[in-house]
N, C-alpha and C. Protein backbone atom coordinates (compact mmCIF):
# COMPACT_ATOMS: atom_id res chain seq x y z
N GLN A 1 0.85 -1.18 0.00
CA GLN A 1 0.00 0.00 0.00
C GLN A 1 0.89 1.24 0.00
N VAL A 2 0.70 2.12 -0.98
CA VAL A 2 1.47 3.36 -1.05
C VAL A 2 0.70 4.45 -0.33
N GLN A 3 1.33 5.10 0.61
CA GLN A 3 0.72 6.24 1.30
C GLN A 3 1.11 7.51 0.55
N VAL A 4 0.11 8.36 0.33
CA VAL A 4 0.33 9.60 -0.42
C VAL A 4 -0.16 10.76 0.41
N MET A 5 0.65 11.82 0.47
CA MET A 5 0.26 12.99 1.26
C MET A 5 0.58 14.26 0.48
N GLU A 6 -0.42 15.14 0.39
CA GLU A 6 -0.23 16.42 -0.26
C GLU A 6 -0.09 17.52 0.79
N SER A 7 0.59 18.58 0.41
CA SER A 7 0.69 19.77 1.27
C SER A 7 0.97 20.96 0.38
N GLY A 8 0.88 22.14 0.97
CA GLY A 8 1.24 23.35 0.24
C GLY A 8 0.08 24.20 -0.22
N GLY A 9 -1.15 23.73 -0.01
CA GLY A 9 -2.28 24.55 -0.40
C GLY A 9 -2.45 25.75 0.50
N GLY A 10 -3.39 26.62 0.11
CA GLY A 10 -3.63 27.80 0.93
C GLY A 10 -4.46 28.82 0.19
N LEU A 11 -4.50 30.02 0.75
CA LEU A 11 -5.24 31.14 0.17
C LEU A 11 -4.24 32.09 -0.48
N VAL A 12 -4.52 32.47 -1.71
CA VAL A 12 -3.64 33.37 -2.44
C VAL A 12 -4.48 34.30 -3.32
N GLN A 13 -3.98 35.47 -3.58
CA GLN A 13 -4.68 36.40 -4.45
C GLN A 13 -4.45 36.03 -5.92
N ALA A 14 -5.37 36.43 -6.76
CA ALA A 14 -5.23 36.18 -8.20
C ALA A 14 -3.89 36.77 -8.69
N GLY A 15 -3.22 35.99 -9.54
CA GLY A 15 -1.90 36.39 -10.02
C GLY A 15 -0.76 35.86 -9.18
N GLY A 16 -1.09 35.32 -8.01
CA GLY A 16 -0.06 34.81 -7.12
C GLY A 16 0.36 33.40 -7.46
N SER A 17 1.23 32.84 -6.60
CA SER A 17 1.80 31.51 -6.84
C SER A 17 1.71 30.64 -5.59
N LEU A 18 1.64 29.34 -5.81
CA LEU A 18 1.73 28.34 -4.77
C LEU A 18 2.50 27.14 -5.31
N THR A 19 3.15 26.42 -4.40
CA THR A 19 3.80 25.16 -4.78
C THR A 19 3.21 24.03 -3.96
N LEU A 20 2.62 23.07 -4.62
CA LEU A 20 2.08 21.89 -3.94
C LEU A 20 3.12 20.80 -3.90
N LEU A 21 3.09 20.02 -2.81
CA LEU A 21 4.04 18.95 -2.60
C LEU A 21 3.29 17.63 -2.46
N CYS A 22 3.82 16.59 -3.10
CA CYS A 22 3.23 15.25 -2.98
C CYS A 22 4.32 14.31 -2.49
N GLU A 23 4.11 13.70 -1.34
CA GLU A 23 5.09 12.77 -0.78
C GLU A 23 4.51 11.36 -0.79
N ALA A 24 5.30 10.42 -1.32
CA ALA A 24 4.87 9.02 -1.38
C ALA A 24 5.72 8.20 -0.43
N SER A 25 5.17 7.09 -0.01
CA SER A 25 5.77 6.35 1.10
C SER A 25 6.80 5.32 0.72
N GLU A 26 6.97 5.03 -0.56
CA GLU A 26 7.90 3.96 -0.87
C GLU A 26 8.54 4.13 -2.23
N ASN A 27 9.54 3.32 -2.49
CA ASN A 27 10.36 3.49 -3.67
C ASN A 27 9.67 3.14 -4.97
N SER A 28 8.49 2.51 -4.92
CA SER A 28 7.76 2.24 -6.16
C SER A 28 7.42 3.54 -6.87
N PHE A 29 7.51 4.66 -6.11
CA PHE A 29 7.25 5.98 -6.69
C PHE A 29 8.07 6.21 -7.94
N SER A 30 9.32 5.78 -7.93
CA SER A 30 10.21 6.08 -9.05
C SER A 30 9.76 5.41 -10.34
N HIS A 31 8.94 4.36 -10.25
CA HIS A 31 8.45 3.66 -11.44
C HIS A 31 6.98 3.94 -11.69
N SER A 32 6.50 5.03 -11.13
CA SER A 32 5.09 5.34 -11.20
C SER A 32 4.81 6.51 -12.12
N VAL A 33 3.54 6.69 -12.42
CA VAL A 33 3.07 7.93 -13.03
C VAL A 33 2.48 8.77 -11.90
N MET A 34 2.93 9.98 -11.78
CA MET A 34 2.41 10.87 -10.76
C MET A 34 1.53 11.92 -11.42
N GLY A 35 0.34 12.09 -10.88
CA GLY A 35 -0.58 13.07 -11.45
C GLY A 35 -1.17 13.97 -10.40
N TRP A 36 -1.51 15.17 -10.79
CA TRP A 36 -2.27 16.11 -9.95
C TRP A 36 -3.65 16.27 -10.58
N TYR A 37 -4.66 16.13 -9.75
CA TYR A 37 -6.05 16.30 -10.15
C TYR A 37 -6.66 17.36 -9.24
N ARG A 38 -7.80 17.91 -9.66
CA ARG A 38 -8.48 18.86 -8.81
C ARG A 38 -9.98 18.67 -8.92
N GLN A 39 -10.66 19.10 -7.86
CA GLN A 39 -12.12 19.02 -7.82
C GLN A 39 -12.65 20.28 -7.18
N ALA A 40 -13.40 21.05 -7.97
CA ALA A 40 -14.03 22.26 -7.48
C ALA A 40 -15.42 21.91 -6.95
N PRO A 41 -15.99 22.75 -6.09
CA PRO A 41 -17.32 22.47 -5.55
C PRO A 41 -18.35 22.26 -6.65
N GLY A 42 -19.09 21.17 -6.57
CA GLY A 42 -20.14 20.89 -7.53
C GLY A 42 -19.66 20.35 -8.86
N LYS A 43 -18.36 20.08 -8.97
CA LYS A 43 -17.81 19.59 -10.23
C LYS A 43 -17.10 18.26 -10.02
N GLY A 44 -16.82 17.56 -11.12
CA GLY A 44 -16.10 16.30 -11.03
C GLY A 44 -14.61 16.53 -10.93
N ARG A 45 -13.90 15.45 -10.61
CA ARG A 45 -12.44 15.52 -10.51
C ARG A 45 -11.85 15.55 -11.91
N GLU A 46 -10.87 16.44 -12.12
CA GLU A 46 -10.28 16.58 -13.45
C GLU A 46 -8.76 16.55 -13.36
N LEU A 47 -8.14 16.03 -14.42
CA LEU A 47 -6.69 15.98 -14.49
C LEU A 47 -6.13 17.37 -14.72
N VAL A 48 -5.11 17.72 -13.93
CA VAL A 48 -4.41 18.99 -14.09
C VAL A 48 -3.11 18.78 -14.85
N ALA A 49 -2.31 17.81 -14.38
CA ALA A 49 -1.02 17.53 -15.01
C ALA A 49 -0.54 16.17 -14.52
N ARG A 50 0.35 15.54 -15.30
CA ARG A 50 0.97 14.32 -14.83
C ARG A 50 2.35 14.18 -15.44
N ILE A 51 3.17 13.39 -14.75
CA ILE A 51 4.55 13.20 -15.17
C ILE A 51 4.87 11.73 -15.09
N PHE A 52 5.50 11.23 -16.16
CA PHE A 52 5.80 9.82 -16.26
C PHE A 52 7.21 9.54 -15.74
N TYR A 53 7.52 8.24 -15.61
CA TYR A 53 8.80 7.84 -15.07
C TYR A 53 9.95 8.50 -15.83
N GLY A 54 9.84 8.57 -17.17
CA GLY A 54 10.89 9.18 -17.97
C GLY A 54 10.82 10.70 -18.00
N ARG A 55 9.99 11.27 -17.13
CA ARG A 55 9.83 12.71 -16.95
C ARG A 55 9.09 13.38 -18.09
N VAL A 56 8.44 12.62 -18.96
CA VAL A 56 7.53 13.21 -19.93
C VAL A 56 6.35 13.78 -19.17
N THR A 57 5.90 14.96 -19.57
CA THR A 57 4.82 15.63 -18.86
C THR A 57 3.62 15.87 -19.78
N GLU A 58 2.47 15.95 -19.15
CA GLU A 58 1.23 16.31 -19.84
C GLU A 58 0.51 17.34 -19.00
N TYR A 59 -0.16 18.30 -19.65
CA TYR A 59 -0.89 19.35 -18.96
C TYR A 59 -2.29 19.51 -19.56
N ALA A 60 -3.24 19.83 -18.70
CA ALA A 60 -4.54 20.24 -19.19
C ALA A 60 -4.40 21.60 -19.85
N ASP A 61 -5.23 21.86 -20.85
CA ASP A 61 -5.13 23.13 -21.58
C ASP A 61 -5.31 24.33 -20.64
N PHE A 62 -6.13 24.18 -19.62
CA PHE A 62 -6.46 25.33 -18.78
C PHE A 62 -5.33 25.71 -17.82
N VAL A 63 -4.25 24.91 -17.75
CA VAL A 63 -3.12 25.27 -16.90
C VAL A 63 -1.81 25.36 -17.67
N ARG A 64 -1.80 24.97 -18.93
CA ARG A 64 -0.55 24.93 -19.69
C ARG A 64 0.04 26.33 -19.76
N GLY A 65 1.34 26.43 -19.45
CA GLY A 65 1.99 27.73 -19.44
C GLY A 65 1.96 28.43 -18.09
N ARG A 66 1.13 27.95 -17.18
CA ARG A 66 1.04 28.56 -15.84
C ARG A 66 1.53 27.60 -14.75
N PHE A 67 1.29 26.31 -14.92
CA PHE A 67 1.66 25.30 -13.92
C PHE A 67 2.82 24.46 -14.45
N THR A 68 3.67 23.99 -13.52
CA THR A 68 4.78 23.11 -13.88
C THR A 68 4.83 21.93 -12.92
N ILE A 69 4.81 20.72 -13.48
CA ILE A 69 4.89 19.52 -12.67
C ILE A 69 6.32 18.98 -12.72
N SER A 70 6.79 18.47 -11.58
CA SER A 70 8.14 17.90 -11.54
C SER A 70 8.18 16.82 -10.46
N ARG A 71 9.28 16.06 -10.44
CA ARG A 71 9.40 15.00 -9.45
C ARG A 71 10.87 14.79 -9.09
N ASP A 72 11.07 14.31 -7.88
CA ASP A 72 12.39 13.94 -7.39
C ASP A 72 12.30 12.47 -6.97
N ASN A 73 12.71 11.57 -7.84
CA ASN A 73 12.53 10.15 -7.54
C ASN A 73 13.34 9.71 -6.32
N ALA A 74 14.49 10.31 -6.12
CA ALA A 74 15.31 9.92 -4.97
C ALA A 74 14.61 10.24 -3.66
N GLU A 75 13.81 11.29 -3.66
CA GLU A 75 13.12 11.71 -2.45
C GLU A 75 11.66 11.27 -2.43
N THR A 76 11.25 10.49 -3.47
CA THR A 76 9.84 10.06 -3.61
C THR A 76 8.89 11.23 -3.40
N THR A 77 9.20 12.34 -4.04
CA THR A 77 8.44 13.58 -3.87
C THR A 77 8.12 14.18 -5.23
N GLY A 78 6.92 14.72 -5.33
CA GLY A 78 6.53 15.42 -6.54
C GLY A 78 6.06 16.82 -6.21
N TYR A 79 6.04 17.67 -7.23
CA TYR A 79 5.71 19.07 -7.03
C TYR A 79 4.76 19.55 -8.13
N LEU A 80 3.96 20.55 -7.76
CA LEU A 80 3.18 21.27 -8.76
C LEU A 80 3.38 22.75 -8.48
N GLN A 81 4.16 23.40 -9.32
CA GLN A 81 4.37 24.84 -9.20
C GLN A 81 3.24 25.54 -9.95
N MET A 82 2.50 26.37 -9.25
CA MET A 82 1.34 27.04 -9.84
C MET A 82 1.57 28.54 -9.83
N ASP A 83 1.67 29.12 -10.99
CA ASP A 83 1.89 30.56 -11.14
C ASP A 83 0.70 31.22 -11.82
N ASN A 84 0.60 32.52 -11.66
CA ASN A 84 -0.49 33.29 -12.28
C ASN A 84 -1.84 32.63 -11.99
N LEU A 85 -2.08 32.36 -10.73
CA LEU A 85 -3.31 31.68 -10.33
C LEU A 85 -4.54 32.54 -10.60
N LYS A 86 -5.63 31.88 -10.92
CA LYS A 86 -6.90 32.54 -11.22
C LYS A 86 -7.97 32.05 -10.25
N PRO A 87 -9.02 32.84 -10.02
CA PRO A 87 -10.09 32.38 -9.12
C PRO A 87 -10.66 31.03 -9.55
N GLU A 88 -10.70 30.75 -10.82
CA GLU A 88 -11.25 29.47 -11.29
C GLU A 88 -10.34 28.28 -11.00
N ASP A 89 -9.13 28.53 -10.49
CA ASP A 89 -8.25 27.45 -10.05
C ASP A 89 -8.61 26.97 -8.64
N THR A 90 -9.53 27.66 -7.99
CA THR A 90 -9.95 27.26 -6.65
C THR A 90 -10.53 25.85 -6.67
N ALA A 91 -9.98 24.97 -5.85
CA ALA A 91 -10.39 23.56 -5.82
C ALA A 91 -9.58 22.83 -4.75
N VAL A 92 -9.99 21.60 -4.48
CA VAL A 92 -9.14 20.68 -3.72
C VAL A 92 -8.25 19.96 -4.73
N TYR A 93 -6.96 19.98 -4.47
CA TYR A 93 -5.99 19.36 -5.37
C TYR A 93 -5.53 18.03 -4.77
N TYR A 94 -5.55 17.00 -5.60
CA TYR A 94 -5.20 15.65 -5.16
C TYR A 94 -3.99 15.13 -5.94
N CYS A 95 -3.13 14.44 -5.25
CA CYS A 95 -2.02 13.76 -5.89
C CYS A 95 -2.40 12.30 -6.11
N ASN A 96 -2.08 11.78 -7.27
CA ASN A 96 -2.34 10.38 -7.61
C ASN A 96 -1.02 9.71 -8.01
N ILE A 97 -0.78 8.55 -7.44
CA ILE A 97 0.38 7.75 -7.79
C ILE A 97 -0.14 6.47 -8.43
N ARG A 98 0.24 6.22 -9.66
CA ARG A 98 -0.21 5.03 -10.37
C ARG A 98 0.98 4.10 -10.58
N THR A 99 0.91 2.93 -9.96
CA THR A 99 1.96 1.93 -10.11
C THR A 99 1.37 0.67 -10.75
N THR A 100 2.20 -0.32 -10.98
CA THR A 100 1.70 -1.59 -11.53
C THR A 100 0.79 -2.29 -10.54
N ALA A 101 0.87 -1.89 -9.25
CA ALA A 101 0.04 -2.52 -8.22
C ALA A 101 -1.30 -1.82 -8.05
N GLY A 102 -1.44 -0.60 -8.57
CA GLY A 102 -2.72 0.08 -8.43
C GLY A 102 -2.60 1.59 -8.37
N ASP A 103 -3.73 2.24 -8.11
CA ASP A 103 -3.84 3.69 -8.01
C ASP A 103 -3.93 4.10 -6.55
N TYR A 104 -3.18 5.14 -6.17
CA TYR A 104 -3.18 5.60 -4.79
C TYR A 104 -3.40 7.10 -4.77
N TRP A 105 -4.26 7.53 -3.83
CA TRP A 105 -4.64 8.94 -3.74
C TRP A 105 -4.32 9.48 -2.35
N GLY A 106 -4.00 10.78 -2.32
CA GLY A 106 -3.90 11.47 -1.05
C GLY A 106 -5.26 12.02 -0.65
N GLN A 107 -5.26 12.71 0.49
CA GLN A 107 -6.50 13.29 1.03
C GLN A 107 -6.85 14.62 0.40
N GLY A 108 -5.91 15.22 -0.30
CA GLY A 108 -6.17 16.49 -0.95
C GLY A 108 -5.71 17.69 -0.15
N THR A 109 -5.46 18.78 -0.84
CA THR A 109 -5.09 20.04 -0.20
C THR A 109 -5.88 21.16 -0.88
N GLN A 110 -6.44 22.04 -0.06
CA GLN A 110 -7.31 23.10 -0.58
C GLN A 110 -6.49 24.26 -1.13
N VAL A 111 -6.85 24.69 -2.33
CA VAL A 111 -6.28 25.90 -2.93
C VAL A 111 -7.43 26.87 -3.18
N THR A 112 -7.31 28.07 -2.62
CA THR A 112 -8.33 29.10 -2.79
C THR A 112 -7.69 30.34 -3.36
N VAL A 113 -8.22 30.81 -4.48
CA VAL A 113 -7.67 31.99 -5.15
C VAL A 113 -8.72 33.09 -5.09
N SER A 114 -8.39 34.19 -4.45
CA SER A 114 -9.32 35.31 -4.32
C SER A 114 -9.11 36.30 -5.46
N SER A 115 -10.21 36.94 -5.84
CA SER A 115 -10.14 37.91 -6.96
C SER A 115 -9.82 39.30 -6.46
């Protein structure tokens, strides 16, 4: 069982920045796909960005150019750098670790962007 924990959320004004952190509990992280998802009130969970073992990245159109996903396999840690935040980015952000053994989710971290 992989334990996943997110941190780094908070309240920020529009145009500001936050960095989210995703910590995984074991070395299978290095062979995993790490993704960030978000869920706004009344909406479904949507993919924000993900990074593969070979560090290939994918971004949703609504964050491309503003958010950057990265990972440190040695530290089993992933990051989501969020710049130029907008009120519509307000949501709970979840980290997902996908390994050959299954999908693992954290509890989420709240990001609130004020206008």
